[in-house]
Amino acid sequence: FFCLQPASRGGATPLVDCAALYRA
């Protein structure tokens, strides 16, 4: 993923470890 033009607000690309979420 690459951000050429940041969002004026928000715009995050959150990540989650699905295996860790499942284990939790």
PDBML (XML) file of the C-alpha atoms, coordinates in Angstrom:
<?xml version="1.0" encoding="UTF-8" ?>
<PDBx:datablock datablockName="MODEL"
   xmlns:PDBx="http://pdbml.pdb.org/schema/pdbx-v50.xsd"
   xmlns:xsi="http://www.w3.org/2001/XMLSchema-instance"
   xsi:schemaLocation="http://pdbml.pdb.org/schema/pdbx-v50.xsd pdbx-v50.xsd">
   <PDBx:atom_siteCategory>
      <PDBx:atom_site id="1">
         <PDBx:B_iso_or_equiv>0.00</PDBx:B_iso_or_equiv>
         <PDBx:Cartn_x>0.000</PDBx:Cartn_x>
         <PDBx:Cartn_y>0.000</PDBx:Cartn_y>
         <PDBx:Cartn_z>0.000</PDBx:Cartn_z>
         <PDBx:auth_asym_id>A</PDBx:auth_asym_id>
         <PDBx:auth_atom_id>CA</PDBx:auth_atom_id>
         <PDBx:auth_comp_id>PHE</PDBx:auth_comp_id>
         <PDBx:auth_seq_id>1</PDBx:auth_seq_id>
         <PDBx:group_PDB>ATOM</PDBx:group_PDB>
         <PDBx:label_alt_id xsi:nil="true" />
         <PDBx:label_asym_id>A</PDBx:label_asym_id>
         <PDBx:label_atom_id>CA</PDBx:label_atom_id>
         <PDBx:label_comp_id>PHE</PDBx:label_comp_id>
         <PDBx:label_entity_id>1</PDBx:label_entity_id>
         <PDBx:label_seq_id>1</PDBx:label_seq_id>
         <PDBx:occupancy>1.00</PDBx:occupancy>
         <PDBx:pdbx_PDB_model_num>1</PDBx:pdbx_PDB_model_num>
         <PDBx:type_symbol>C</PDBx:type_symbol>
      </PDBx:atom_site>
      <PDBx:atom_site id="2">
         <PDBx:B_iso_or_equiv>0.00</PDBx:B_iso_or_equiv>
         <PDBx:Cartn_x>1.266</PDBx:Cartn_x>
         <PDBx:Cartn_y>3.480</PDBx:Cartn_y>
         <PDBx:Cartn_z>-0.846</PDBx:Cartn_z>
         <PDBx:auth_asym_id>A</PDBx:auth_asym_id>
         <PDBx:auth_atom_id>CA</PDBx:auth_atom_id>
         <PDBx:auth_comp_id>PHE</PDBx:auth_comp_id>
         <PDBx:auth_seq_id>2</PDBx:auth_seq_id>
         <PDBx:group_PDB>ATOM</PDBx:group_PDB>
         <PDBx:label_alt_id xsi:nil="true" />
         <PDBx:label_asym_id>A</PDBx:label_asym_id>
         <PDBx:label_atom_id>CA</PDBx:label_atom_id>
         <PDBx:label_comp_id>PHE</PDBx:label_comp_id>
         <PDBx:label_entity_id>1</PDBx:label_entity_id>
         <PDBx:label_seq_id>2</PDBx:label_seq_id>
         <PDBx:occupancy>1.00</PDBx:occupancy>
         <PDBx:pdbx_PDB_model_num>1</PDBx:pdbx_PDB_model_num>
         <PDBx:type_symbol>C</PDBx:type_symbol>
      </PDBx:atom_site>
      <PDBx:atom_site id="3">
         <PDBx:B_iso_or_equiv>0.00</PDBx:B_iso_or_equiv>
         <PDBx:Cartn_x>-0.046</PDBx:Cartn_x>
         <PDBx:Cartn_y>6.908</PDBx:Cartn_y>
         <PDBx:Cartn_z>0.066</PDBx:Cartn_z>
         <PDBx:auth_asym_id>A</PDBx:auth_asym_id>
         <PDBx:auth_atom_id>CA</PDBx:auth_atom_id>
         <PDBx:auth_comp_id>CYS</PDBx:auth_comp_id>
         <PDBx:auth_seq_id>3</PDBx:auth_seq_id>
         <PDBx:group_PDB>ATOM</PDBx:group_PDB>
         <PDBx:label_alt_id xsi:nil="true" />
         <PDBx:label_asym_id>A</PDBx:label_asym_id>
         <PDBx:label_atom_id>CA</PDBx:label_atom_id>
         <PDBx:label_comp_id>CYS</PDBx:label_comp_id>
         <PDBx:label_entity_id>1</PDBx:label_entity_id>
         <PDBx:label_seq_id>3</PDBx:label_seq_id>
         <PDBx:occupancy>1.00</PDBx:occupancy>
         <PDBx:pdbx_PDB_model_num>1</PDBx:pdbx_PDB_model_num>
         <PDBx:type_symbol>C</PDBx:type_symbol>
      </PDBx:atom_site>
      <PDBx:atom_site id="4">
         <PDBx:B_iso_or_equiv>0.00</PDBx:B_iso_or_equiv>
         <PDBx:Cartn_x>0.710</PDBx:Cartn_x>
         <PDBx:Cartn_y>9.476</PDBx:Cartn_y>
         <PDBx:Cartn_z>-2.618</PDBx:Cartn_z>
         <PDBx:auth_asym_id>A</PDBx:auth_asym_id>
         <PDBx:auth_atom_id>CA</PDBx:auth_atom_id>
         <PDBx:auth_comp_id>LEU</PDBx:auth_comp_id>
         <PDBx:auth_seq_id>4</PDBx:auth_seq_id>
         <PDBx:group_PDB>ATOM</PDBx:group_PDB>
         <PDBx:label_alt_id xsi:nil="true" />
         <PDBx:label_asym_id>A</PDBx:label_asym_id>
         <PDBx:label_atom_id>CA</PDBx:label_atom_id>
         <PDBx:label_comp_id>LEU</PDBx:label_comp_id>
         <PDBx:label_entity_id>1</PDBx:label_entity_id>
         <PDBx:label_seq_id>4</PDBx:label_seq_id>
         <PDBx:occupancy>1.00</PDBx:occupancy>
         <PDBx:pdbx_PDB_model_num>1</PDBx:pdbx_PDB_model_num>
         <PDBx:type_symbol>C</PDBx:type_symbol>
      </PDBx:atom_site>
      <PDBx:atom_site id="5">
         <PDBx:B_iso_or_equiv>0.00</PDBx:B_iso_or_equiv>
         <PDBx:Cartn_x>-1.867</PDBx:Cartn_x>
         <PDBx:Cartn_y>12.034</PDBx:Cartn_y>
         <PDBx:Cartn_z>-1.415</PDBx:Cartn_z>
         <PDBx:auth_asym_id>A</PDBx:auth_asym_id>
         <PDBx:auth_atom_id>CA</PDBx:auth_atom_id>
         <PDBx:auth_comp_id>GLN</PDBx:auth_comp_id>
         <PDBx:auth_seq_id>5</PDBx:auth_seq_id>
         <PDBx:group_PDB>ATOM</PDBx:group_PDB>
         <PDBx:label_alt_id xsi:nil="true" />
         <PDBx:label_asym_id>A</PDBx:label_asym_id>
         <PDBx:label_atom_id>CA</PDBx:label_atom_id>
         <PDBx:label_comp_id>GLN</PDBx:label_comp_id>
         <PDBx:label_entity_id>1</PDBx:label_entity_id>
         <PDBx:label_seq_id>5</PDBx:label_seq_id>
         <PDBx:occupancy>1.00</PDBx:occupancy>
         <PDBx:pdbx_PDB_model_num>1</PDBx:pdbx_PDB_model_num>
         <PDBx:type_symbol>C</PDBx:type_symbol>
      </PDBx:atom_site>
      <PDBx:atom_site id="6">
         <PDBx:B_iso_or_equiv>0.00</PDBx:B_iso_or_equiv>
         <PDBx:Cartn_x>-2.796</PDBx:Cartn_x>
         <PDBx:Cartn_y>11.829</PDBx:Cartn_y>
         <PDBx:Cartn_z>2.299</PDBx:Cartn_z>
         <PDBx:auth_asym_id>A</PDBx:auth_asym_id>
         <PDBx:auth_atom_id>CA</PDBx:auth_atom_id>
         <PDBx:auth_comp_id>PRO</PDBx:auth_comp_id>
         <PDBx:auth_seq_id>6</PDBx:auth_seq_id>
         <PDBx:group_PDB>ATOM</PDBx:group_PDB>
         <PDBx:label_alt_id xsi:nil="true" />
         <PDBx:label_asym_id>A</PDBx:label_asym_id>
         <PDBx:label_atom_id>CA</PDBx:label_atom_id>
         <PDBx:label_comp_id>PRO</PDBx:label_comp_id>
         <PDBx:label_entity_id>1</PDBx:label_entity_id>
         <PDBx:label_seq_id>6</PDBx:label_seq_id>
         <PDBx:occupancy>1.00</PDBx:occupancy>
         <PDBx:pdbx_PDB_model_num>1</PDBx:pdbx_PDB_model_num>
         <PDBx:type_symbol>C</PDBx:type_symbol>
      </PDBx:atom_site>
      <PDBx:atom_site id="7">
         <PDBx:B_iso_or_equiv>0.00</PDBx:B_iso_or_equiv>
         <PDBx:Cartn_x>-6.468</PDBx:Cartn_x>
         <PDBx:Cartn_y>12.250</PDBx:Cartn_y>
         <PDBx:Cartn_z>3.142</PDBx:Cartn_z>
         <PDBx:auth_asym_id>A</PDBx:auth_asym_id>
         <PDBx:auth_atom_id>CA</PDBx:auth_atom_id>
         <PDBx:auth_comp_id>ALA</PDBx:auth_comp_id>
         <PDBx:auth_seq_id>7</PDBx:auth_seq_id>
         <PDBx:group_PDB>ATOM</PDBx:group_PDB>
         <PDBx:label_alt_id xsi:nil="true" />
         <PDBx:label_asym_id>A</PDBx:label_asym_id>
         <PDBx:label_atom_id>CA</PDBx:label_atom_id>
         <PDBx:label_comp_id>ALA</PDBx:label_comp_id>
         <PDBx:label_entity_id>1</PDBx:label_entity_id>
         <PDBx:label_seq_id>7</PDBx:label_seq_id>
         <PDBx:occupancy>1.00</PDBx:occupancy>
         <PDBx:pdbx_PDB_model_num>1</PDBx:pdbx_PDB_model_num>
         <PDBx:type_symbol>C</PDBx:type_symbol>
      </PDBx:atom_site>
      <PDBx:atom_site id="8">
         <PDBx:B_iso_or_equiv>0.00</PDBx:B_iso_or_equiv>
         <PDBx:Cartn_x>-7.479</PDBx:Cartn_x>
         <PDBx:Cartn_y>15.640</PDBx:Cartn_y>
         <PDBx:Cartn_z>4.548</PDBx:Cartn_z>
         <PDBx:auth_asym_id>A</PDBx:auth_asym_id>
         <PDBx:auth_atom_id>CA</PDBx:auth_atom_id>
         <PDBx:auth_comp_id>SER</PDBx:auth_comp_id>
         <PDBx:auth_seq_id>8</PDBx:auth_seq_id>
         <PDBx:group_PDB>ATOM</PDBx:group_PDB>
         <PDBx:label_alt_id xsi:nil="true" />
         <PDBx:label_asym_id>A</PDBx:label_asym_id>
         <PDBx:label_atom_id>CA</PDBx:label_atom_id>
         <PDBx:label_comp_id>SER</PDBx:label_comp_id>
         <PDBx:label_entity_id>1</PDBx:label_entity_id>
         <PDBx:label_seq_id>8</PDBx:label_seq_id>
         <PDBx:occupancy>1.00</PDBx:occupancy>
         <PDBx:pdbx_PDB_model_num>1</PDBx:pdbx_PDB_model_num>
         <PDBx:type_symbol>C</PDBx:type_symbol>
      </PDBx:atom_site>
      <PDBx:atom_site id="9">
         <PDBx:B_iso_or_equiv>0.00</PDBx:B_iso_or_equiv>
         <PDBx:Cartn_x>-8.971</PDBx:Cartn_x>
         <PDBx:Cartn_y>13.735</PDBx:Cartn_y>
         <PDBx:Cartn_z>7.494</PDBx:Cartn_z>
         <PDBx:auth_asym_id>A</PDBx:auth_asym_id>
         <PDBx:auth_atom_id>CA</PDBx:auth_atom_id>
         <PDBx:auth_comp_id>ARG</PDBx:auth_comp_id>
         <PDBx:auth_seq_id>9</PDBx:auth_seq_id>
         <PDBx:group_PDB>ATOM</PDBx:group_PDB>
         <PDBx:label_alt_id xsi:nil="true" />
         <PDBx:label_asym_id>A</PDBx:label_asym_id>
         <PDBx:label_atom_id>CA</PDBx:label_atom_id>
         <PDBx:label_comp_id>ARG</PDBx:label_comp_id>
         <PDBx:label_entity_id>1</PDBx:label_entity_id>
         <PDBx:label_seq_id>9</PDBx:label_seq_id>
         <PDBx:occupancy>1.00</PDBx:occupancy>
         <PDBx:pdbx_PDB_model_num>1</PDBx:pdbx_PDB_model_num>
         <PDBx:type_symbol>C</PDBx:type_symbol>
      </PDBx:atom_site>
      <PDBx:atom_site id="10">
         <PDBx:B_iso_or_equiv>0.00</PDBx:B_iso_or_equiv>
         <PDBx:Cartn_x>-9.176</PDBx:Cartn_x>
         <PDBx:Cartn_y>10.064</PDBx:Cartn_y>
         <PDBx:Cartn_z>8.395</PDBx:Cartn_z>
         <PDBx:auth_asym_id>A</PDBx:auth_asym_id>
         <PDBx:auth_atom_id>CA</PDBx:auth_atom_id>
         <PDBx:auth_comp_id>GLY</PDBx:auth_comp_id>
         <PDBx:auth_seq_id>10</PDBx:auth_seq_id>
         <PDBx:group_PDB>ATOM</PDBx:group_PDB>
         <PDBx:label_alt_id xsi:nil="true" />
         <PDBx:label_asym_id>A</PDBx:label_asym_id>
         <PDBx:label_atom_id>CA</PDBx:label_atom_id>
         <PDBx:label_comp_id>GLY</PDBx:label_comp_id>
         <PDBx:label_entity_id>1</PDBx:label_entity_id>
         <PDBx:label_seq_id>10</PDBx:label_seq_id>
         <PDBx:occupancy>1.00</PDBx:occupancy>
         <PDBx:pdbx_PDB_model_num>1</PDBx:pdbx_PDB_model_num>
         <PDBx:type_symbol>C</PDBx:type_symbol>
      </PDBx:atom_site>
      <PDBx:atom_site id="11">
         <PDBx:B_iso_or_equiv>0.00</PDBx:B_iso_or_equiv>
         <PDBx:Cartn_x>-7.725</PDBx:Cartn_x>
         <PDBx:Cartn_y>7.900</PDBx:Cartn_y>
         <PDBx:Cartn_z>5.653</PDBx:Cartn_z>
         <PDBx:auth_asym_id>A</PDBx:auth_asym_id>
         <PDBx:auth_atom_id>CA</PDBx:auth_atom_id>
         <PDBx:auth_comp_id>GLY</PDBx:auth_comp_id>
         <PDBx:auth_seq_id>11</PDBx:auth_seq_id>
         <PDBx:group_PDB>ATOM</PDBx:group_PDB>
         <PDBx:label_alt_id xsi:nil="true" />
         <PDBx:label_asym_id>A</PDBx:label_asym_id>
         <PDBx:label_atom_id>CA</PDBx:label_atom_id>
         <PDBx:label_comp_id>GLY</PDBx:label_comp_id>
         <PDBx:label_entity_id>1</PDBx:label_entity_id>
         <PDBx:label_seq_id>11</PDBx:label_seq_id>
         <PDBx:occupancy>1.00</PDBx:occupancy>
         <PDBx:pdbx_PDB_model_num>1</PDBx:pdbx_PDB_model_num>
         <PDBx:type_symbol>C</PDBx:type_symbol>
      </PDBx:atom_site>
      <PDBx:atom_site id="12">
         <PDBx:B_iso_or_equiv>0.00</PDBx:B_iso_or_equiv>
         <PDBx:Cartn_x>-6.118</PDBx:Cartn_x>
         <PDBx:Cartn_y>5.273</PDBx:Cartn_y>
         <PDBx:Cartn_z>7.897</PDBx:Cartn_z>
         <PDBx:auth_asym_id>A</PDBx:auth_asym_id>
         <PDBx:auth_atom_id>CA</PDBx:auth_atom_id>
         <PDBx:auth_comp_id>ALA</PDBx:auth_comp_id>
         <PDBx:auth_seq_id>12</PDBx:auth_seq_id>
         <PDBx:group_PDB>ATOM</PDBx:group_PDB>
         <PDBx:label_alt_id xsi:nil="true" />
         <PDBx:label_asym_id>A</PDBx:label_asym_id>
         <PDBx:label_atom_id>CA</PDBx:label_atom_id>
         <PDBx:label_comp_id>ALA</PDBx:label_comp_id>
         <PDBx:label_entity_id>1</PDBx:label_entity_id>
         <PDBx:label_seq_id>12</PDBx:label_seq_id>
         <PDBx:occupancy>1.00</PDBx:occupancy>
         <PDBx:pdbx_PDB_model_num>1</PDBx:pdbx_PDB_model_num>
         <PDBx:type_symbol>C</PDBx:type_symbol>
      </PDBx:atom_site>
      <PDBx:atom_site id="13">
         <PDBx:B_iso_or_equiv>0.00</PDBx:B_iso_or_equiv>
         <PDBx:Cartn_x>-5.333</PDBx:Cartn_x>
         <PDBx:Cartn_y>1.788</PDBx:Cartn_y>
         <PDBx:Cartn_z>6.645</PDBx:Cartn_z>
         <PDBx:auth_asym_id>A</PDBx:auth_asym_id>
         <PDBx:auth_atom_id>CA</PDBx:auth_atom_id>
         <PDBx:auth_comp_id>THR</PDBx:auth_comp_id>
         <PDBx:auth_seq_id>13</PDBx:auth_seq_id>
         <PDBx:group_PDB>ATOM</PDBx:group_PDB>
         <PDBx:label_alt_id xsi:nil="true" />
         <PDBx:label_asym_id>A</PDBx:label_asym_id>
         <PDBx:label_atom_id>CA</PDBx:label_atom_id>
         <PDBx:label_comp_id>THR</PDBx:label_comp_id>
         <PDBx:label_entity_id>1</PDBx:label_entity_id>
         <PDBx:label_seq_id>13</PDBx:label_seq_id>
         <PDBx:occupancy>1.00</PDBx:occupancy>
         <PDBx:pdbx_PDB_model_num>1</PDBx:pdbx_PDB_model_num>
         <PDBx:type_symbol>C</PDBx:type_symbol>
      </PDBx:atom_site>
      <PDBx:atom_site id="14">
         <PDBx:B_iso_or_equiv>0.00</PDBx:B_iso_or_equiv>
         <PDBx:Cartn_x>-5.750</PDBx:Cartn_x>
         <PDBx:Cartn_y>-0.247</PDBx:Cartn_y>
         <PDBx:Cartn_z>9.840</PDBx:Cartn_z>
         <PDBx:auth_asym_id>A</PDBx:auth_asym_id>
         <PDBx:auth_atom_id>CA</PDBx:auth_atom_id>
         <PDBx:auth_comp_id>PRO</PDBx:auth_comp_id>
         <PDBx:auth_seq_id>14</PDBx:auth_seq_id>
         <PDBx:group_PDB>ATOM</PDBx:group_PDB>
         <PDBx:label_alt_id xsi:nil="true" />
         <PDBx:label_asym_id>A</PDBx:label_asym_id>
         <PDBx:label_atom_id>CA</PDBx:label_atom_id>
         <PDBx:label_comp_id>PRO</PDBx:label_comp_id>
         <PDBx:label_entity_id>1</PDBx:label_entity_id>
         <PDBx:label_seq_id>14</PDBx:label_seq_id>
         <PDBx:occupancy>1.00</PDBx:occupancy>
         <PDBx:pdbx_PDB_model_num>1</PDBx:pdbx_PDB_model_num>
         <PDBx:type_symbol>C</PDBx:type_symbol>
      </PDBx:atom_site>
      <PDBx:atom_site id="15">
         <PDBx:B_iso_or_equiv>0.00</PDBx:B_iso_or_equiv>
         <PDBx:Cartn_x>-4.270</PDBx:Cartn_x>
         <PDBx:Cartn_y>-3.738</PDBx:Cartn_y>
         <PDBx:Cartn_z>10.048</PDBx:Cartn_z>
         <PDBx:auth_asym_id>A</PDBx:auth_asym_id>
         <PDBx:auth_atom_id>CA</PDBx:auth_atom_id>
         <PDBx:auth_comp_id>LEU</PDBx:auth_comp_id>
         <PDBx:auth_seq_id>15</PDBx:auth_seq_id>
         <PDBx:group_PDB>ATOM</PDBx:group_PDB>
         <PDBx:label_alt_id xsi:nil="true" />
         <PDBx:label_asym_id>A</PDBx:label_asym_id>
         <PDBx:label_atom_id>CA</PDBx:label_atom_id>
         <PDBx:label_comp_id>LEU</PDBx:label_comp_id>
         <PDBx:label_entity_id>1</PDBx:label_entity_id>
         <PDBx:label_seq_id>15</PDBx:label_seq_id>
         <PDBx:occupancy>1.00</PDBx:occupancy>
         <PDBx:pdbx_PDB_model_num>1</PDBx:pdbx_PDB_model_num>
         <PDBx:type_symbol>C</PDBx:type_symbol>
      </PDBx:atom_site>
      <PDBx:atom_site id="16">
         <PDBx:B_iso_or_equiv>0.00</PDBx:B_iso_or_equiv>
         <PDBx:Cartn_x>-5.386</PDBx:Cartn_x>
         <PDBx:Cartn_y>-6.614</PDBx:Cartn_y>
         <PDBx:Cartn_z>12.201</PDBx:Cartn_z>
         <PDBx:auth_asym_id>A</PDBx:auth_asym_id>
         <PDBx:auth_atom_id>CA</PDBx:auth_atom_id>
         <PDBx:auth_comp_id>VAL</PDBx:auth_comp_id>
         <PDBx:auth_seq_id>16</PDBx:auth_seq_id>
         <PDBx:group_PDB>ATOM</PDBx:group_PDB>
         <PDBx:label_alt_id xsi:nil="true" />
         <PDBx:label_asym_id>A</PDBx:label_asym_id>
         <PDBx:label_atom_id>CA</PDBx:label_atom_id>
         <PDBx:label_comp_id>VAL</PDBx:label_comp_id>
         <PDBx:label_entity_id>1</PDBx:label_entity_id>
         <PDBx:label_seq_id>16</PDBx:label_seq_id>
         <PDBx:occupancy>1.00</PDBx:occupancy>
         <PDBx:pdbx_PDB_model_num>1</PDBx:pdbx_PDB_model_num>
         <PDBx:type_symbol>C</PDBx:type_symbol>
      </PDBx:atom_site>
      <PDBx:atom_site id="17">
         <PDBx:B_iso_or_equiv>0.00</PDBx:B_iso_or_equiv>
         <PDBx:Cartn_x>-3.673</PDBx:Cartn_x>
         <PDBx:Cartn_y>-9.943</PDBx:Cartn_y>
         <PDBx:Cartn_z>12.849</PDBx:Cartn_z>
         <PDBx:auth_asym_id>A</PDBx:auth_asym_id>
         <PDBx:auth_atom_id>CA</PDBx:auth_atom_id>
         <PDBx:auth_comp_id>ASP</PDBx:auth_comp_id>
         <PDBx:auth_seq_id>17</PDBx:auth_seq_id>
         <PDBx:group_PDB>ATOM</PDBx:group_PDB>
         <PDBx:label_alt_id xsi:nil="true" />
         <PDBx:label_asym_id>A</PDBx:label_asym_id>
         <PDBx:label_atom_id>CA</PDBx:label_atom_id>
         <PDBx:label_comp_id>ASP</PDBx:label_comp_id>
         <PDBx:label_entity_id>1</PDBx:label_entity_id>
         <PDBx:label_seq_id>17</PDBx:label_seq_id>
         <PDBx:occupancy>1.00</PDBx:occupancy>
         <PDBx:pdbx_PDB_model_num>1</PDBx:pdbx_PDB_model_num>
         <PDBx:type_symbol>C</PDBx:type_symbol>
      </PDBx:atom_site>
      <PDBx:atom_site id="18">
         <PDBx:B_iso_or_equiv>0.00</PDBx:B_iso_or_equiv>
         <PDBx:Cartn_x>-6.582</PDBx:Cartn_x>
         <PDBx:Cartn_y>-12.286</PDBx:Cartn_y>
         <PDBx:Cartn_z>12.111</PDBx:Cartn_z>
         <PDBx:auth_asym_id>A</PDBx:auth_asym_id>
         <PDBx:auth_atom_id>CA</PDBx:auth_atom_id>
         <PDBx:auth_comp_id>CYS</PDBx:auth_comp_id>
         <PDBx:auth_seq_id>18</PDBx:auth_seq_id>
         <PDBx:group_PDB>ATOM</PDBx:group_PDB>
         <PDBx:label_alt_id xsi:nil="true" />
         <PDBx:label_asym_id>A</PDBx:label_asym_id>
         <PDBx:label_atom_id>CA</PDBx:label_atom_id>
         <PDBx:label_comp_id>CYS</PDBx:label_comp_id>
         <PDBx:label_entity_id>1</PDBx:label_entity_id>
         <PDBx:label_seq_id>18</PDBx:label_seq_id>
         <PDBx:occupancy>1.00</PDBx:occupancy>
         <PDBx:pdbx_PDB_model_num>1</PDBx:pdbx_PDB_model_num>
         <PDBx:type_symbol>C</PDBx:type_symbol>
      </PDBx:atom_site>
      <PDBx:atom_site id="19">
         <PDBx:B_iso_or_equiv>0.00</PDBx:B_iso_or_equiv>
         <PDBx:Cartn_x>-4.805</PDBx:Cartn_x>
         <PDBx:Cartn_y>-15.316</PDBx:Cartn_y>
         <PDBx:Cartn_z>13.567</PDBx:Cartn_z>
         <PDBx:auth_asym_id>A</PDBx:auth_asym_id>
         <PDBx:auth_atom_id>CA</PDBx:auth_atom_id>
         <PDBx:auth_comp_id>ALA</PDBx:auth_comp_id>
         <PDBx:auth_seq_id>19</PDBx:auth_seq_id>
         <PDBx:group_PDB>ATOM</PDBx:group_PDB>
         <PDBx:label_alt_id xsi:nil="true" />
         <PDBx:label_asym_id>A</PDBx:label_asym_id>
         <PDBx:label_atom_id>CA</PDBx:label_atom_id>
         <PDBx:label_comp_id>ALA</PDBx:label_comp_id>
         <PDBx:label_entity_id>1</PDBx:label_entity_id>
         <PDBx:label_seq_id>19</PDBx:label_seq_id>
         <PDBx:occupancy>1.00</PDBx:occupancy>
         <PDBx:pdbx_PDB_model_num>1</PDBx:pdbx_PDB_model_num>
         <PDBx:type_symbol>C</PDBx:type_symbol>
      </PDBx:atom_site>
      <PDBx:atom_site id="20">
         <PDBx:B_iso_or_equiv>0.00</PDBx:B_iso_or_equiv>
         <PDBx:Cartn_x>-4.150</PDBx:Cartn_x>
         <PDBx:Cartn_y>-13.444</PDBx:Cartn_y>
         <PDBx:Cartn_z>16.828</PDBx:Cartn_z>
         <PDBx:auth_asym_id>A</PDBx:auth_asym_id>
         <PDBx:auth_atom_id>CA</PDBx:auth_atom_id>
         <PDBx:auth_comp_id>ALA</PDBx:auth_comp_id>
         <PDBx:auth_seq_id>20</PDBx:auth_seq_id>
         <PDBx:group_PDB>ATOM</PDBx:group_PDB>
         <PDBx:label_alt_id xsi:nil="true" />
         <PDBx:label_asym_id>A</PDBx:label_asym_id>
         <PDBx:label_atom_id>CA</PDBx:label_atom_id>
         <PDBx:label_comp_id>ALA</PDBx:label_comp_id>
         <PDBx:label_entity_id>1</PDBx:label_entity_id>
         <PDBx:label_seq_id>20</PDBx:label_seq_id>
         <PDBx:occupancy>1.00</PDBx:occupancy>
         <PDBx:pdbx_PDB_model_num>1</PDBx:pdbx_PDB_model_num>
         <PDBx:type_symbol>C</PDBx:type_symbol>
      </PDBx:atom_site>
      <PDBx:atom_site id="21">
         <PDBx:B_iso_or_equiv>0.00</PDBx:B_iso_or_equiv>
         <PDBx:Cartn_x>-7.753</PDBx:Cartn_x>
         <PDBx:Cartn_y>-12.205</PDBx:Cartn_y>
         <PDBx:Cartn_z>16.867</PDBx:Cartn_z>
         <PDBx:auth_asym_id>A</PDBx:auth_asym_id>
         <PDBx:auth_atom_id>CA</PDBx:auth_atom_id>
         <PDBx:auth_comp_id>LEU</PDBx:auth_comp_id>
         <PDBx:auth_seq_id>21</PDBx:auth_seq_id>
         <PDBx:group_PDB>ATOM</PDBx:group_PDB>
         <PDBx:label_alt_id xsi:nil="true" />
         <PDBx:label_asym_id>A</PDBx:label_asym_id>
         <PDBx:label_atom_id>CA</PDBx:label_atom_id>
         <PDBx:label_comp_id>LEU</PDBx:label_comp_id>
         <PDBx:label_entity_id>1</PDBx:label_entity_id>
         <PDBx:label_seq_id>21</PDBx:label_seq_id>
         <PDBx:occupancy>1.00</PDBx:occupancy>
         <PDBx:pdbx_PDB_model_num>1</PDBx:pdbx_PDB_model_num>
         <PDBx:type_symbol>C</PDBx:type_symbol>
      </PDBx:atom_site>
      <PDBx:atom_site id="22">
         <PDBx:B_iso_or_equiv>0.00</PDBx:B_iso_or_equiv>
         <PDBx:Cartn_x>-8.975</PDBx:Cartn_x>
         <PDBx:Cartn_y>-15.771</PDBx:Cartn_y>
         <PDBx:Cartn_z>16.426</PDBx:Cartn_z>
         <PDBx:auth_asym_id>A</PDBx:auth_asym_id>
         <PDBx:auth_atom_id>CA</PDBx:auth_atom_id>
         <PDBx:auth_comp_id>TYR</PDBx:auth_comp_id>
         <PDBx:auth_seq_id>22</PDBx:auth_seq_id>
         <PDBx:group_PDB>ATOM</PDBx:group_PDB>
         <PDBx:label_alt_id xsi:nil="true" />
         <PDBx:label_asym_id>A</PDBx:label_asym_id>
         <PDBx:label_atom_id>CA</PDBx:label_atom_id>
         <PDBx:label_comp_id>TYR</PDBx:label_comp_id>
         <PDBx:label_entity_id>1</PDBx:label_entity_id>
         <PDBx:label_seq_id>22</PDBx:label_seq_id>
         <PDBx:occupancy>1.00</PDBx:occupancy>
         <PDBx:pdbx_PDB_model_num>1</PDBx:pdbx_PDB_model_num>
         <PDBx:type_symbol>C</PDBx:type_symbol>
      </PDBx:atom_site>
      <PDBx:atom_site id="23">
         <PDBx:B_iso_or_equiv>0.00</PDBx:B_iso_or_equiv>
         <PDBx:Cartn_x>-6.670</PDBx:Cartn_x>
         <PDBx:Cartn_y>-17.011</PDBx:Cartn_y>
         <PDBx:Cartn_z>19.226</PDBx:Cartn_z>
         <PDBx:auth_asym_id>A</PDBx:auth_asym_id>
         <PDBx:auth_atom_id>CA</PDBx:auth_atom_id>
         <PDBx:auth_comp_id>ARG</PDBx:auth_comp_id>
         <PDBx:auth_seq_id>23</PDBx:auth_seq_id>
         <PDBx:group_PDB>ATOM</PDBx:group_PDB>
         <PDBx:label_alt_id xsi:nil="true" />
         <PDBx:label_asym_id>A</PDBx:label_asym_id>
         <PDBx:label_atom_id>CA</PDBx:label_atom_id>
         <PDBx:label_comp_id>ARG</PDBx:label_comp_id>
         <PDBx:label_entity_id>1</PDBx:label_entity_id>
         <PDBx:label_seq_id>23</PDBx:label_seq_id>
         <PDBx:occupancy>1.00</PDBx:occupancy>
         <PDBx:pdbx_PDB_model_num>1</PDBx:pdbx_PDB_model_num>
         <PDBx:type_symbol>C</PDBx:type_symbol>
      </PDBx:atom_site>
      <PDBx:atom_site id="24">
         <PDBx:B_iso_or_equiv>0.00</PDBx:B_iso_or_equiv>
         <PDBx:Cartn_x>-7.987</PDBx:Cartn_x>
         <PDBx:Cartn_y>-14.244</PDBx:Cartn_y>
         <PDBx:Cartn_z>21.498</PDBx:Cartn_z>
         <PDBx:auth_asym_id>A</PDBx:auth_asym_id>
         <PDBx:auth_atom_id>CA</PDBx:auth_atom_id>
         <PDBx:auth_comp_id>ALA</PDBx:auth_comp_id>
         <PDBx:auth_seq_id>24</PDBx:auth_seq_id>
         <PDBx:group_PDB>ATOM</PDBx:group_PDB>
         <PDBx:label_alt_id xsi:nil="true" />
         <PDBx:label_asym_id>A</PDBx:label_asym_id>
         <PDBx:label_atom_id>CA</PDBx:label_atom_id>
         <PDBx:label_comp_id>ALA</PDBx:label_comp_id>
         <PDBx:label_entity_id>1</PDBx:label_entity_id>
         <PDBx:label_seq_id>24</PDBx:label_seq_id>
         <PDBx:occupancy>1.00</PDBx:occupancy>
         <PDBx:pdbx_PDB_model_num>1</PDBx:pdbx_PDB_model_num>
         <PDBx:type_symbol>C</PDBx:type_symbol>
      </PDBx:atom_site>
   </PDBx:atom_siteCategory>
</PDBx:datablock>
